[in-house]
Amino acid sequence: MVLDLAVIGMAISLGPLHNSAFILLLSARRGLRLGLAFLLSWLVNLIAVIVCVMLLTGGQPPEHHSTPSTASVAAKLAIGVALVIYGAYRRRRPPRPHGPPRWQARIDDASTVTAAGLAWLLQPWAMVGAGAATAVDANLSAVEDWLALTGYCLLATLSLIVMETYARWAPTAANARLNALRSWMDRHQEQLIVTLSLVLGLWLTAHSIYQLID
């Protein structure tokens, strides 16, 4: 479970779409406040999903090869296969030019509520779903499982935490370097999406098949 959560959390954190949007928010007139609203909303969403899973399982992992256990593994397998298919489709699709998002022109007028809602919209829900299916195996009576779930939520938010902190303590340098990073991500958005989808999809597919036949 720990390794799965680490892989999923890292894949979520490296996603180009929400990171580019976050950098745009940081460059706004009230960037730090908007960035913090986005970051907190992102983190709360992740925690809320885990809490829902824990409420369903009662904090106790299902028995190996029981119906709930098999269902959670099957869900991860389905998500893994879907990510592989999606990544392969995006890889074979002819490149399409994409302009800046429509809301970019109104970024300075964005409210904290808008920033928080944007985090919810841009969250990669398929990956978050894989994290939820993995968290089914968590045992809340074990300290290490508490640490694993906490680490997963923080790892999935790590890129946002680093950028928010950087912008807070070195605003001038952060503005230049983060905007350069956003430009690079915009140029390589398709490659990043394809790579993350294929890598995580293949990992989930292979590991889920192993769990089903083990």
C-alpha atoms as a PDB file:
ATOM      1  CA  MET A   1       0.000   0.000   0.000  1.00  0.00           C
ATOM      2  CA  VAL A   2       2.742   2.458   0.933  1.00  0.00           C
ATOM      3  CA  LEU A   3       4.566   2.119  -2.382  1.00  0.00           C
ATOM      4  CA  ASP A   4       1.326   2.445  -4.357  1.00  0.00           C
ATOM      5  CA  LEU A   5       0.380   5.600  -2.464  1.00  0.00           C
ATOM      6  CA  ALA A   6       3.863   7.055  -3.042  1.00  0.00           C
ATOM      7  CA  VAL A   7       3.698   6.418  -6.798  1.00  0.00           C
ATOM      8  CA  ILE A   8       0.156   7.784  -7.090  1.00  0.00           C
ATOM      9  CA  GLY A   9       0.930  10.818  -4.927  1.00  0.00           C
ATOM     10  CA  MET A  10       3.991  11.685  -7.006  1.00  0.00           C
ATOM     11  CA  ALA A  11       2.042  11.328 -10.270  1.00  0.00           C
ATOM     12  CA  ILE A  12      -0.673  13.639  -8.950  1.00  0.00           C
ATOM     13  CA  SER A  13       1.873  16.208  -7.777  1.00  0.00           C
ATOM     14  CA  LEU A  14       3.674  16.331 -11.140  1.00  0.00           C
ATOM     15  CA  GLY A  15       0.561  16.938 -13.264  1.00  0.00           C
ATOM     16  CA  PRO A  16       1.150  19.887 -15.623  1.00  0.00           C
ATOM     17  CA  LEU A  17      -2.396  21.278 -15.755  1.00  0.00           C
ATOM     18  CA  HIS A  18      -2.866  22.206 -12.109  1.00  0.00           C
ATOM     19  CA  ASN A  19       0.745  23.312 -11.716  1.00  0.00           C
ATOM     20  CA  SER A  20       0.449  25.713 -14.663  1.00  0.00           C
ATOM     21  CA  ALA A  21      -2.822  27.084 -13.283  1.00  0.00           C
ATOM     22  CA  PHE A  22      -1.258  27.494  -9.843  1.00  0.00           C
ATOM     23  CA  ILE A  23       1.661  29.477 -11.250  1.00  0.00           C
ATOM     24  CA  LEU A  24      -0.801  31.754 -13.050  1.00  0.00           C
ATOM     25  CA  LEU A  25      -2.610  32.354  -9.776  1.00  0.00           C
ATOM     26  CA  LEU A  26       0.658  33.175  -8.010  1.00  0.00           C
ATOM     27  CA  SER A  27       1.442  35.786 -10.675  1.00  0.00           C
ATOM     28  CA  ALA A  28      -1.841  37.607 -10.027  1.00  0.00           C
ATOM     29  CA  ARG A  29      -2.184  40.776  -7.969  1.00  0.00           C
ATOM     30  CA  ARG A  30      -3.202  38.815  -4.841  1.00  0.00           C
ATOM     31  CA  GLY A  31      -1.233  35.780  -5.888  1.00  0.00           C
ATOM     32  CA  LEU A  32      -0.203  34.447  -2.506  1.00  0.00           C
ATOM     33  CA  ARG A  33      -3.760  34.551  -1.190  1.00  0.00           C
ATOM     34  CA  LEU A  34      -5.162  32.940  -4.340  1.00  0.00           C
ATOM     35  CA  GLY A  35      -2.422  30.323  -4.322  1.00  0.00           C
ATOM     36  CA  LEU A  36      -3.103  29.484  -0.685  1.00  0.00           C
ATOM     37  CA  ALA A  37      -6.837  29.098  -1.393  1.00  0.00           C
ATOM     38  CA  PHE A  38      -6.041  26.745  -4.296  1.00  0.00           C
ATOM     39  CA  LEU A  39      -3.538  24.761  -2.218  1.00  0.00           C
ATOM     40  CA  LEU A  40      -5.844  24.338   0.769  1.00  0.00           C
ATOM     41  CA  SER A  41      -8.787  23.355  -1.430  1.00  0.00           C
ATOM     42  CA  TRP A  42      -6.591  20.810  -3.225  1.00  0.00           C
ATOM     43  CA  LEU A  43      -5.439  19.316   0.074  1.00  0.00           C
ATOM     44  CA  VAL A  44      -8.928  19.299   1.594  1.00  0.00           C
ATOM     45  CA  ASN A  45     -10.252  17.430  -1.452  1.00  0.00           C
ATOM     46  CA  LEU A  46      -7.607  14.732  -1.053  1.00  0.00           C
ATOM     47  CA  ILE A  47      -8.276  14.408   2.673  1.00  0.00           C
ATOM     48  CA  ALA A  48     -12.052  14.317   2.129  1.00  0.00           C
ATOM     49  CA  VAL A  49     -11.714  11.390  -0.288  1.00  0.00           C
ATOM     50  CA  ILE A  50      -9.566   9.471   2.210  1.00  0.00           C
ATOM     51  CA  VAL A  51     -12.005  10.225   5.038  1.00  0.00           C
ATOM     52  CA  CYS A  52     -14.896   8.884   2.939  1.00  0.00           C
ATOM     53  CA  VAL A  53     -12.951   5.681   2.304  1.00  0.00           C
ATOM     54  CA  MET A  54     -12.172   5.297   5.997  1.00  0.00           C
ATOM     55  CA  LEU A  55     -15.831   5.793   6.885  1.00  0.00           C
ATOM     56  CA  LEU A  56     -16.794   3.049   4.436  1.00  0.00           C
ATOM     57  CA  THR A  57     -14.180   0.586   5.706  1.00  0.00           C
ATOM     58  CA  GLY A  58     -14.380   1.541   9.368  1.00  0.00           C
ATOM     59  CA  GLY A  59     -10.622   1.997   9.350  1.00  0.00           C
ATOM     60  CA  GLN A  60     -10.070  -1.752   8.996  1.00  0.00           C
ATOM     61  CA  PRO A  61      -8.710  -3.321   5.797  1.00  0.00           C
ATOM     62  CA  PRO A  62     -10.893  -6.027   4.215  1.00  0.00           C
ATOM     63  CA  GLU A  63      -9.685  -9.601   4.275  1.00  0.00           C
ATOM     64  CA  HIS A  64      -7.452 -10.665   1.421  1.00  0.00           C
ATOM     65  CA  HIS A  65      -9.465 -11.905  -1.595  1.00  0.00           C
ATOM     66  CA  SER A  66     -12.739 -10.960   0.063  1.00  0.00           C
ATOM     67  CA  THR A  67     -15.363  -9.244  -2.073  1.00  0.00           C
ATOM     68  CA  PRO A  68     -14.496  -5.690  -0.880  1.00  0.00           C
ATOM     69  CA  SER A  69     -10.774  -6.364  -1.309  1.00  0.00           C
ATOM     70  CA  THR A  70     -11.237  -7.772  -4.797  1.00  0.00           C
ATOM     71  CA  ALA A  71     -13.498  -4.859  -5.724  1.00  0.00           C
ATOM     72  CA  SER A  72     -10.908  -2.279  -4.676  1.00  0.00           C
ATOM     73  CA  VAL A  73      -8.165  -4.052  -6.634  1.00  0.00           C
ATOM     74  CA  ALA A  74     -10.474  -4.354  -9.656  1.00  0.00           C
ATOM     75  CA  ALA A  75     -11.159  -0.613  -9.412  1.00  0.00           C
ATOM     76  CA  LYS A  76      -7.415   0.104  -9.470  1.00  0.00           C
ATOM     77  CA  LEU A  77      -7.020  -2.244 -12.417  1.00  0.00           C
ATOM     78  CA  ALA A  78      -9.806  -0.479 -14.318  1.00  0.00           C
ATOM     79  CA  ILE A  79      -8.265   2.932 -13.604  1.00  0.00           C
ATOM     80  CA  GLY A  80      -4.837   1.656 -14.656  1.00  0.00           C
ATOM     81  CA  VAL A  81      -6.148   0.287 -17.949  1.00  0.00           C
ATOM     82  CA  ALA A  82      -8.103   3.513 -18.559  1.00  0.00           C
ATOM     83  CA  LEU A  83      -4.960   5.603 -17.967  1.00  0.00           C
ATOM     84  CA  VAL A  84      -2.932   3.446 -20.368  1.00  0.00           C
ATOM     85  CA  ILE A  85      -5.617   3.765 -23.055  1.00  0.00           C
ATOM     86  CA  TYR A  86      -5.886   7.506 -22.460  1.00  0.00           C
ATOM     87  CA  GLY A  87      -2.116   7.960 -22.587  1.00  0.00           C
ATOM     88  CA  ALA A  88      -1.858   5.914 -25.788  1.00  0.00           C
ATOM     89  CA  TYR A  89      -4.699   7.912 -27.336  1.00  0.00           C
ATOM     90  CA  ARG A  90      -3.090  11.242 -26.463  1.00  0.00           C
ATOM     91  CA  ARG A  91       0.244   9.994 -27.804  1.00  0.00           C
ATOM     92  CA  ARG A  92      -1.223   9.004 -31.183  1.00  0.00           C
ATOM     93  CA  ARG A  93      -3.484  12.026 -31.498  1.00  0.00           C
ATOM     94  CA  PRO A  94      -2.197  14.746 -33.835  1.00  0.00           C
ATOM     95  CA  PRO A  95      -0.886  17.728 -31.862  1.00  0.00           C
ATOM     96  CA  ARG A  96      -3.441  20.434 -31.338  1.00  0.00           C
ATOM     97  CA  PRO A  97      -2.537  24.064 -30.658  1.00  0.00           C
ATOM     98  CA  HIS A  98      -3.918  25.286 -27.375  1.00  0.00           C
ATOM     99  CA  GLY A  99      -4.098  28.880 -26.300  1.00  0.00           C
ATOM    100  CA  PRO A 100      -4.137  30.287 -22.783  1.00  0.00           C
ATOM    101  CA  PRO A 101      -7.196  29.432 -20.673  1.00  0.00           C
ATOM    102  CA  ARG A 102     -10.051  31.923 -20.930  1.00  0.00           C
ATOM    103  CA  TRP A 103      -9.902  32.764 -17.264  1.00  0.00           C
ATOM    104  CA  GLN A 104      -6.245  33.862 -17.552  1.00  0.00           C
ATOM    105  CA  ALA A 105      -7.296  37.309 -18.802  1.00  0.00           C
ATOM    106  CA  ARG A 106      -9.379  37.800 -15.637  1.00  0.00           C
ATOM    107  CA  ILE A 107      -6.830  36.371 -13.230  1.00  0.00           C
ATOM    108  CA  ASP A 108      -6.309  39.631 -11.314  1.00  0.00           C
ATOM    109  CA  ASP A 109     -10.030  39.788 -10.552  1.00  0.00           C
ATOM    110  CA  ALA A 110     -10.277  36.174  -9.379  1.00  0.00           C
ATOM    111  CA  SER A 111     -11.616  35.584  -5.867  1.00  0.00           C
ATOM    112  CA  THR A 112     -10.361  33.067  -3.343  1.00  0.00           C
ATOM    113  CA  VAL A 113     -13.568  31.095  -3.923  1.00  0.00           C
ATOM    114  CA  THR A 114     -12.770  30.909  -7.633  1.00  0.00           C
ATOM    115  CA  ALA A 115      -9.226  29.762  -6.886  1.00  0.00           C
ATOM    116  CA  ALA A 116     -10.526  27.098  -4.498  1.00  0.00           C
ATOM    117  CA  GLY A 117     -13.051  25.891  -7.083  1.00  0.00           C
ATOM    118  CA  LEU A 118     -10.360  25.742  -9.739  1.00  0.00           C
ATOM    119  CA  ALA A 119      -8.393  23.310  -7.569  1.00  0.00           C
ATOM    120  CA  TRP A 120     -11.414  21.029  -7.428  1.00  0.00           C
ATOM    121  CA  LEU A 121     -11.899  21.171 -11.198  1.00  0.00           C
ATOM    122  CA  LEU A 122      -8.251  20.535 -12.058  1.00  0.00           C
ATOM    123  CA  GLN A 123      -7.694  17.646  -9.657  1.00  0.00           C
ATOM    124  CA  PRO A 124      -6.876  14.464 -11.648  1.00  0.00           C
ATOM    125  CA  TRP A 125      -9.819  12.486 -10.315  1.00  0.00           C
ATOM    126  CA  ALA A 126      -8.817   9.198 -11.943  1.00  0.00           C
ATOM    127  CA  MET A 127      -5.532   9.280 -10.024  1.00  0.00           C
ATOM    128  CA  VAL A 128      -7.294  10.403  -6.865  1.00  0.00           C
ATOM    129  CA  GLY A 129      -9.673   7.469  -7.331  1.00  0.00           C
ATOM    130  CA  ALA A 130      -6.691   5.127  -7.558  1.00  0.00           C
ATOM    131  CA  GLY A 131      -5.414   6.588  -4.300  1.00  0.00           C
ATOM    132  CA  ALA A 132      -8.814   6.010  -2.702  1.00  0.00           C
ATOM    133  CA  ALA A 133      -8.899   2.391  -3.891  1.00  0.00           C
ATOM    134  CA  THR A 134      -5.431   1.893  -2.414  1.00  0.00           C
ATOM    135  CA  ALA A 135      -6.397   3.509   0.907  1.00  0.00           C
ATOM    136  CA  VAL A 136      -9.005   0.751   1.399  1.00  0.00           C
ATOM    137  CA  ASP A 137      -6.133  -1.383   2.725  1.00  0.00           C
ATOM    138  CA  ALA A 138      -5.272   1.125   5.458  1.00  0.00           C
ATOM    139  CA  ASN A 139      -5.555   0.034   9.078  1.00  0.00           C
ATOM    140  CA  LEU A 140      -6.148   3.078  11.255  1.00  0.00           C
ATOM    141  CA  SER A 141      -5.027   1.208  14.356  1.00  0.00           C
ATOM    142  CA  ALA A 142      -1.512   1.116  12.875  1.00  0.00           C
ATOM    143  CA  VAL A 143       0.595   4.268  13.177  1.00  0.00           C
ATOM    144  CA  GLU A 144       2.478   3.480   9.975  1.00  0.00           C
ATOM    145  CA  ASP A 145      -0.755   3.499   7.988  1.00  0.00           C
ATOM    146  CA  TRP A 146      -1.685   6.896   9.418  1.00  0.00           C
ATOM    147  CA  LEU A 147       1.745   8.136   8.337  1.00  0.00           C
ATOM    148  CA  ALA A 148       1.321   6.579   4.870  1.00  0.00           C
ATOM    149  CA  LEU A 149      -2.028   8.313   4.301  1.00  0.00           C
ATOM    150  CA  THR A 150      -0.694  11.626   5.613  1.00  0.00           C
ATOM    151  CA  GLY A 151       2.399  11.298   3.445  1.00  0.00           C
ATOM    152  CA  TYR A 152       0.252  10.534   0.397  1.00  0.00           C
ATOM    153  CA  CYS A 153      -1.850  13.686   0.838  1.00  0.00           C
ATOM    154  CA  LEU A 154       1.238  15.835   1.376  1.00  0.00           C
ATOM    155  CA  LEU A 155       3.148  14.252  -1.512  1.00  0.00           C
ATOM    156  CA  ALA A 156       0.209  14.853  -3.862  1.00  0.00           C
ATOM    157  CA  THR A 157       0.309  18.529  -2.777  1.00  0.00           C
ATOM    158  CA  LEU A 158       4.092  18.859  -2.646  1.00  0.00           C
ATOM    159  CA  SER A 159       4.594  20.855  -5.843  1.00  0.00           C
ATOM    160  CA  LEU A 160       2.018  23.424  -4.700  1.00  0.00           C
ATOM    161  CA  ILE A 161       3.551  23.694  -1.233  1.00  0.00           C
ATOM    162  CA  VAL A 162       7.028  24.252  -2.687  1.00  0.00           C
ATOM    163  CA  MET A 163       5.843  26.925  -5.137  1.00  0.00           C
ATOM    164  CA  GLU A 164       3.720  28.746  -2.557  1.00  0.00           C
ATOM    165  CA  THR A 165       6.635  28.787  -0.100  1.00  0.00           C
ATOM    166  CA  TYR A 166       9.075  29.935  -2.783  1.00  0.00           C
ATOM    167  CA  ALA A 167       6.773  32.762  -3.849  1.00  0.00           C
ATOM    168  CA  ARG A 168       6.346  33.802  -0.222  1.00  0.00           C
ATOM    169  CA  TRP A 169      10.037  34.056   0.653  1.00  0.00           C
ATOM    170  CA  ALA A 170      11.591  35.066  -2.697  1.00  0.00           C
ATOM    171  CA  PRO A 171       8.813  36.709  -4.729  1.00  0.00           C
ATOM    172  CA  THR A 172      10.980  38.326  -7.418  1.00  0.00           C
ATOM    173  CA  ALA A 173      13.054  35.238  -8.179  1.00  0.00           C
ATOM    174  CA  ALA A 174      10.012  32.994  -7.873  1.00  0.00           C
ATOM    175  CA  ASN A 175       8.004  35.034 -10.357  1.00  0.00           C
ATOM    176  CA  ALA A 176      10.690  34.765 -13.042  1.00  0.00           C
ATOM    177  CA  ARG A 177      11.554  31.117 -12.493  1.00  0.00           C
ATOM    178  CA  LEU A 178       8.022  29.838 -12.018  1.00  0.00           C
ATOM    179  CA  ASN A 179       6.809  31.608 -15.152  1.00  0.00           C
ATOM    180  CA  ALA A 180       9.718  30.076 -17.059  1.00  0.00           C
ATOM    181  CA  LEU A 181       8.660  26.695 -15.656  1.00  0.00           C
ATOM    182  CA  ARG A 182       5.065  27.326 -16.760  1.00  0.00           C
ATOM    183  CA  SER A 183       6.219  28.179 -20.276  1.00  0.00           C
ATOM    184  CA  TRP A 184       8.196  24.942 -20.398  1.00  0.00           C
ATOM    185  CA  MET A 185       5.224  22.913 -19.142  1.00  0.00           C
ATOM    186  CA  ASP A 186       2.947  24.543 -21.712  1.00  0.00           C
ATOM    187  CA  ARG A 187       5.342  23.548 -24.503  1.00  0.00           C
ATOM    188  CA  HIS A 188       5.621  19.977 -23.214  1.00  0.00           C
ATOM    189  CA  GLN A 189       2.101  19.536 -21.841  1.00  0.00           C
ATOM    190  CA  GLU A 190       1.164  16.644 -24.136  1.00  0.00           C
ATOM    191  CA  GLN A 191       4.380  14.729 -23.421  1.00  0.00           C
ATOM    192  CA  LEU A 192       3.950  15.188 -19.676  1.00  0.00           C
ATOM    193  CA  ILE A 193       0.319  14.040 -19.699  1.00  0.00           C
ATOM    194  CA  VAL A 194       1.144  11.014 -21.870  1.00  0.00           C
ATOM    195  CA  THR A 195       4.146  10.022 -19.740  1.00  0.00           C
ATOM    196  CA  LEU A 196       2.334  10.325 -16.413  1.00  0.00           C
ATOM    197  CA  SER A 197      -0.737   8.492 -17.720  1.00  0.00           C
ATOM    198  CA  LEU A 198       1.269   5.620 -19.186  1.00  0.00           C
ATOM    199  CA  VAL A 199       3.678   5.216 -16.279  1.00  0.00           C
ATOM    200  CA  LEU A 200       1.015   5.293 -13.578  1.00  0.00           C
ATOM    201  CA  GLY A 201      -1.424   3.276 -15.699  1.00  0.00           C
ATOM    202  CA  LEU A 202       1.099   0.505 -16.336  1.00  0.00           C
ATOM    203  CA  TRP A 203       2.099   0.464 -12.669  1.00  0.00           C
ATOM    204  CA  LEU A 204      -1.498   0.171 -11.468  1.00  0.00           C
ATOM    205  CA  THR A 205      -2.349  -2.451 -14.086  1.00  0.00           C
ATOM    206  CA  ALA A 206       0.655  -4.654 -13.344  1.00  0.00           C
ATOM    207  CA  HIS A 207       0.379  -4.382  -9.561  1.00  0.00           C
ATOM    208  CA  SER A 208      -3.389  -4.947  -9.571  1.00  0.00           C
ATOM    209  CA  ILE A 209      -3.054  -8.094 -11.694  1.00  0.00           C
ATOM    210  CA  TYR A 210      -0.401  -9.363  -9.290  1.00  0.00           C
ATOM    211  CA  GLN A 211      -2.700  -8.703  -6.317  1.00  0.00           C
ATOM    212  CA  LEU A 212      -5.603 -10.513  -7.996  1.00  0.00           C
ATOM    213  CA  ILE A 213      -3.616 -13.665  -8.721  1.00  0.00           C
ATOM    214  CA  ASP A 214      -1.511 -13.640  -5.535  1.00  0.00           C
END
